[in-house]
C-alpha atoms as a PDB file:
ATOM      1  CA  MET A   1     -24.542   1.364  50.064  1.00  0.00           C
ATOM      2  CA  TYR A   2     -20.838   0.109  50.356  1.00  0.00           C
ATOM      3  CA  GLY A   3     -18.151   2.556  50.024  1.00  0.00           C
ATOM      4  CA  LEU A   4     -14.341   2.910  49.865  1.00  0.00           C
ATOM      5  CA  LYS A   5     -12.025   5.957  50.023  1.00  0.00           C
ATOM      6  CA  THR A   6      -8.563   6.438  49.157  1.00  0.00           C
ATOM      7  CA  GLU A   7      -6.378   9.520  48.531  1.00  0.00           C
ATOM      8  CA  ALA A   8      -3.298  10.661  46.741  1.00  0.00           C
ATOM      9  CA  ALA A   9      -1.408  13.979  46.102  1.00  0.00           C
ATOM     10  CA  PHE A  10       0.448  15.722  43.477  1.00  0.00           C
ATOM     11  CA  ASP A  11       2.397  19.137  42.972  1.00  0.00           C
ATOM     12  CA  SER A  12       1.725  21.227  39.828  1.00  0.00           C
ATOM     13  CA  ALA A  13       1.472  24.793  38.781  1.00  0.00           C
ATOM     14  CA  HIS A  14      -1.386  26.621  36.994  1.00  0.00           C
ATOM     15  CA  PHE A  15      -2.791  30.024  36.520  1.00  0.00           C
ATOM     16  CA  LEU A  16      -6.346  30.985  35.802  1.00  0.00           C
ATOM     17  CA  ALA A  17      -6.873  32.933  32.857  1.00  0.00           C
ATOM     18  CA  ASP A  18      -9.263  35.683  32.710  1.00  0.00           C
ATOM     19  CA  TYR A  19      -9.360  35.983  36.349  1.00  0.00           C
ATOM     20  CA  TYR A  20      -8.837  39.143  38.312  1.00  0.00           C
ATOM     21  CA  GLY A  21      -6.976  38.374  41.531  1.00  0.00           C
ATOM     22  CA  LYS A  22      -3.843  36.460  42.804  1.00  0.00           C
ATOM     23  CA  CYS A  23      -4.524  33.528  40.696  1.00  0.00           C
ATOM     24  CA  GLU A  24      -4.022  34.746  37.452  1.00  0.00           C
ATOM     25  CA  ASN A  25      -0.179  34.474  38.107  1.00  0.00           C
ATOM     26  CA  LEU A  26       1.537  31.359  37.594  1.00  0.00           C
ATOM     27  CA  HIS A  27       1.475  29.585  41.173  1.00  0.00           C
ATOM     28  CA  GLY A  28       1.682  26.275  42.461  1.00  0.00           C
ATOM     29  CA  HIS A  29      -0.378  23.905  44.756  1.00  0.00           C
ATOM     30  CA  ARG A  30       0.376  20.487  46.774  1.00  0.00           C
ATOM     31  CA  TRP A  31      -3.000  19.216  45.429  1.00  0.00           C
ATOM     32  CA  ARG A  32      -4.700  16.477  47.607  1.00  0.00           C
ATOM     33  CA  VAL A  33      -7.305  14.235  45.858  1.00  0.00           C
ATOM     34  CA  VAL A  34      -9.744  12.232  47.716  1.00  0.00           C
ATOM     35  CA  VAL A  35     -11.886   9.772  45.890  1.00  0.00           C
ATOM     36  CA  TYR A  36     -14.838   7.631  46.817  1.00  0.00           C
ATOM     37  CA  LEU A  37     -16.376   4.682  45.541  1.00  0.00           C
ATOM     38  CA  GLY A  38     -19.706   3.367  46.117  1.00  0.00           C
ATOM     39  CA  GLN A  39     -22.267   0.926  45.190  1.00  0.00           C
ATOM     40  CA  SER A  40     -25.275  -0.784  46.670  1.00  0.00           C
ATOM     41  CA  ASP A  41     -24.036  -4.352  46.406  1.00  0.00           C
ATOM     42  CA  LEU A  42     -20.667  -6.116  46.597  1.00  0.00           C
ATOM     43  CA  GLN A  43     -19.186  -8.235  44.384  1.00  0.00           C
ATOM     44  CA  THR A  44     -20.275 -12.153  44.034  1.00  0.00           C
ATOM     45  CA  GLU A  45     -17.534 -13.762  42.316  1.00  0.00           C
ATOM     46  CA  GLY A  46     -13.863 -14.393  41.900  1.00  0.00           C
ATOM     47  CA  THR A  47     -10.940 -12.855  43.981  1.00  0.00           C
ATOM     48  CA  MET A  48     -13.250  -9.614  44.674  1.00  0.00           C
ATOM     49  CA  ARG A  49     -15.965 -11.611  46.067  1.00  0.00           C
ATOM     50  CA  ASP A  50     -17.611  -9.716  48.906  1.00  0.00           C
ATOM     51  CA  MET A  51     -15.716  -6.435  48.039  1.00  0.00           C
ATOM     52  CA  VAL A  52     -16.496  -3.163  46.342  1.00  0.00           C
ATOM     53  CA  LEU A  53     -13.333  -3.318  44.608  1.00  0.00           C
ATOM     54  CA  ASP A  54      -9.746  -4.404  45.713  1.00  0.00           C
ATOM     55  CA  PHE A  55      -7.866  -1.605  47.407  1.00  0.00           C
ATOM     56  CA  GLY A  56      -4.981  -2.286  45.669  1.00  0.00           C
ATOM     57  CA  VAL A  57      -6.558  -1.763  42.201  1.00  0.00           C
ATOM     58  CA  PHE A  58      -8.245   1.167  43.441  1.00  0.00           C
ATOM     59  CA  LYS A  59      -5.265   2.677  45.073  1.00  0.00           C
ATOM     60  CA  ARG A  60      -3.095   2.097  42.000  1.00  0.00           C
ATOM     61  CA  ALA A  61      -5.709   3.838  39.591  1.00  0.00           C
ATOM     62  CA  VAL A  62      -5.860   7.022  41.677  1.00  0.00           C
ATOM     63  CA  ARG A  63      -2.177   7.259  42.188  1.00  0.00           C
ATOM     64  CA  GLU A  64      -1.407   6.577  38.642  1.00  0.00           C
ATOM     65  CA  LEU A  65      -3.781   9.420  37.593  1.00  0.00           C
ATOM     66  CA  ALA A  66      -2.082  11.769  40.260  1.00  0.00           C
ATOM     67  CA  GLU A  67       1.397  10.862  38.942  1.00  0.00           C
ATOM     68  CA  GLU A  68       0.236  11.765  35.623  1.00  0.00           C
ATOM     69  CA  LEU A  69      -0.297  15.497  36.862  1.00  0.00           C
ATOM     70  CA  ASP A  70       2.746  15.666  39.314  1.00  0.00           C
ATOM     71  CA  HIS A  71       5.184  18.326  38.875  1.00  0.00           C
ATOM     72  CA  THR A  72       3.603  19.307  35.704  1.00  0.00           C
ATOM     73  CA  PHE A  73       2.426  22.766  34.668  1.00  0.00           C
ATOM     74  CA  LEU A  74      -1.722  22.359  34.074  1.00  0.00           C
ATOM     75  CA  VAL A  75      -2.647  24.687  31.275  1.00  0.00           C
ATOM     76  CA  GLU A  76      -6.094  25.356  30.008  1.00  0.00           C
ATOM     77  CA  GLU A  77      -5.879  24.823  26.393  1.00  0.00           C
ATOM     78  CA  GLY A  78      -5.697  28.184  24.267  1.00  0.00           C
ATOM     79  CA  THR A  79      -4.781  30.402  27.340  1.00  0.00           C
ATOM     80  CA  LEU A  80      -0.959  30.623  26.428  1.00  0.00           C
ATOM     81  CA  LYS A  81       0.505  31.669  22.831  1.00  0.00           C
ATOM     82  CA  PRO A  82       1.893  28.804  20.881  1.00  0.00           C
ATOM     83  CA  ALA A  83       5.215  30.600  21.065  1.00  0.00           C
ATOM     84  CA  THR A  84       5.110  30.676  24.803  1.00  0.00           C
ATOM     85  CA  VAL A  85       4.063  26.663  24.933  1.00  0.00           C
ATOM     86  CA  GLU A  86       6.849  25.816  22.636  1.00  0.00           C
ATOM     87  CA  ALA A  87       9.435  28.087  24.343  1.00  0.00           C
ATOM     88  CA  LEU A  88       8.721  26.313  27.620  1.00  0.00           C
ATOM     89  CA  GLU A  89       8.788  22.655  26.142  1.00  0.00           C
ATOM     90  CA  GLU A  90      12.151  23.482  24.506  1.00  0.00           C
ATOM     91  CA  GLU A  91      13.260  24.740  28.070  1.00  0.00           C
ATOM     92  CA  GLY A  92      12.496  21.193  29.332  1.00  0.00           C
ATOM     93  CA  PHE A  93       9.218  22.029  31.459  1.00  0.00           C
ATOM     94  CA  SER A  94       6.312  19.353  31.682  1.00  0.00           C
ATOM     95  CA  LEU A  95       3.037  20.920  30.481  1.00  0.00           C
ATOM     96  CA  THR A  96      -0.112  18.935  30.792  1.00  0.00           C
ATOM     97  CA  ILE A  97      -2.775  20.844  28.450  1.00  0.00           C
ATOM     98  CA  LEU A  98      -6.175  20.472  29.650  1.00  0.00           C
ATOM     99  CA  PRO A  99      -9.403  21.214  27.613  1.00  0.00           C
ATOM    100  CA  PHE A 100     -10.761  23.295  30.731  1.00  0.00           C
ATOM    101  CA  ARG A 101     -10.157  25.667  33.095  1.00  0.00           C
ATOM    102  CA  THR A 102      -7.628  24.344  35.827  1.00  0.00           C
ATOM    103  CA  THR A 103      -9.752  25.070  38.799  1.00  0.00           C
ATOM    104  CA  ALA A 104     -10.095  22.714  41.677  1.00  0.00           C
ATOM    105  CA  GLU A 105     -13.931  21.986  40.428  1.00  0.00           C
ATOM    106  CA  ASN A 106     -12.750  20.905  37.109  1.00  0.00           C
ATOM    107  CA  LEU A 107      -9.777  18.718  38.395  1.00  0.00           C
ATOM    108  CA  ALA A 108     -12.019  17.070  40.684  1.00  0.00           C
ATOM    109  CA  ARG A 109     -14.610  16.226  37.377  1.00  0.00           C
ATOM    110  CA  TYR A 110     -11.573  15.115  35.623  1.00  0.00           C
ATOM    111  CA  PHE A 111     -10.333  12.604  38.260  1.00  0.00           C
ATOM    112  CA  ALA A 112     -13.923  11.288  38.354  1.00  0.00           C
ATOM    113  CA  GLU A 113     -14.356  11.099  34.806  1.00  0.00           C
ATOM    114  CA  ARG A 114     -11.110   9.409  33.920  1.00  0.00           C
ATOM    115  CA  LEU A 115     -11.612   6.920  36.944  1.00  0.00           C
ATOM    116  CA  THR A 116     -15.185   6.167  35.611  1.00  0.00           C
ATOM    117  CA  GLU A 117     -13.536   5.307  32.177  1.00  0.00           C
ATOM    118  CA  GLN A 118     -11.672   2.326  34.056  1.00  0.00           C
ATOM    119  CA  ASP A 119     -15.014   1.298  35.285  1.00  0.00           C
ATOM    120  CA  LEU A 120     -14.587   2.345  39.115  1.00  0.00           C
ATOM    121  CA  PRO A 121     -17.962   3.426  40.599  1.00  0.00           C
ATOM    122  CA  VAL A 122     -16.864   6.913  41.661  1.00  0.00           C
ATOM    123  CA  SER A 123     -19.148   8.506  43.965  1.00  0.00           C
ATOM    124  CA  GLN A 124     -17.351  11.535  45.018  1.00  0.00           C
ATOM    125  CA  VAL A 125     -14.034  13.255  44.246  1.00  0.00           C
ATOM    126  CA  ASP A 126     -12.803  16.015  46.809  1.00  0.00           C
ATOM    127  CA  MET A 127      -9.914  18.048  45.183  1.00  0.00           C
ATOM    128  CA  TYR A 128      -8.009  20.179  47.843  1.00  0.00           C
ATOM    129  CA  GLU A 129      -5.988  23.056  46.725  1.00  0.00           C
ATOM    130  CA  THR A 130      -4.980  24.204  50.219  1.00  0.00           C
ATOM    131  CA  PRO A 131      -5.416  22.205  53.484  1.00  0.00           C
ATOM    132  CA  ASN A 132      -8.670  23.735  54.411  1.00  0.00           C
ATOM    133  CA  ASN A 133     -10.185  24.298  51.001  1.00  0.00           C
ATOM    134  CA  CYS A 134     -11.352  21.812  48.496  1.00  0.00           C
ATOM    135  CA  ALA A 135     -13.909  21.203  45.700  1.00  0.00           C
ATOM    136  CA  ILE A 136     -16.323  18.190  45.484  1.00  0.00           C
ATOM    137  CA  TYR A 137     -17.727  16.544  42.299  1.00  0.00           C
ATOM    138  CA  ARG A 138     -20.155  14.109  42.465  1.00  0.00           C
ATOM    139  CA  PRO A 139     -20.978  12.167  39.470  1.00  0.00           C
END
């Protein structure tokens, strides 16, 4: 098995609806995402011959996805009143409405799915919400 690894980081705020603890309040993280690719064989043709994937292509895909979430307020769809969302947007806040609870576990899966849609052979995503704690998703 061959593999590659790269990482990126982004800053965003979120809260966990229906959670009874500190994380039910709006707070932010310096998220660090580590993405692993894996495949049993190397490419056999073209400029990526004898590679899993060109590192430039891999790094760009991960960093572009991180950039989409950077300095945004990650909101689980349906957890804020429409008037609240509208008021935040009118004030110029950048919101990213997501169809899932914004846990590290779900964000790891989100990265894996979005990168897999780009034909990257994702084998694992680690999503750190603190320097010492991460969620792992393996497709």
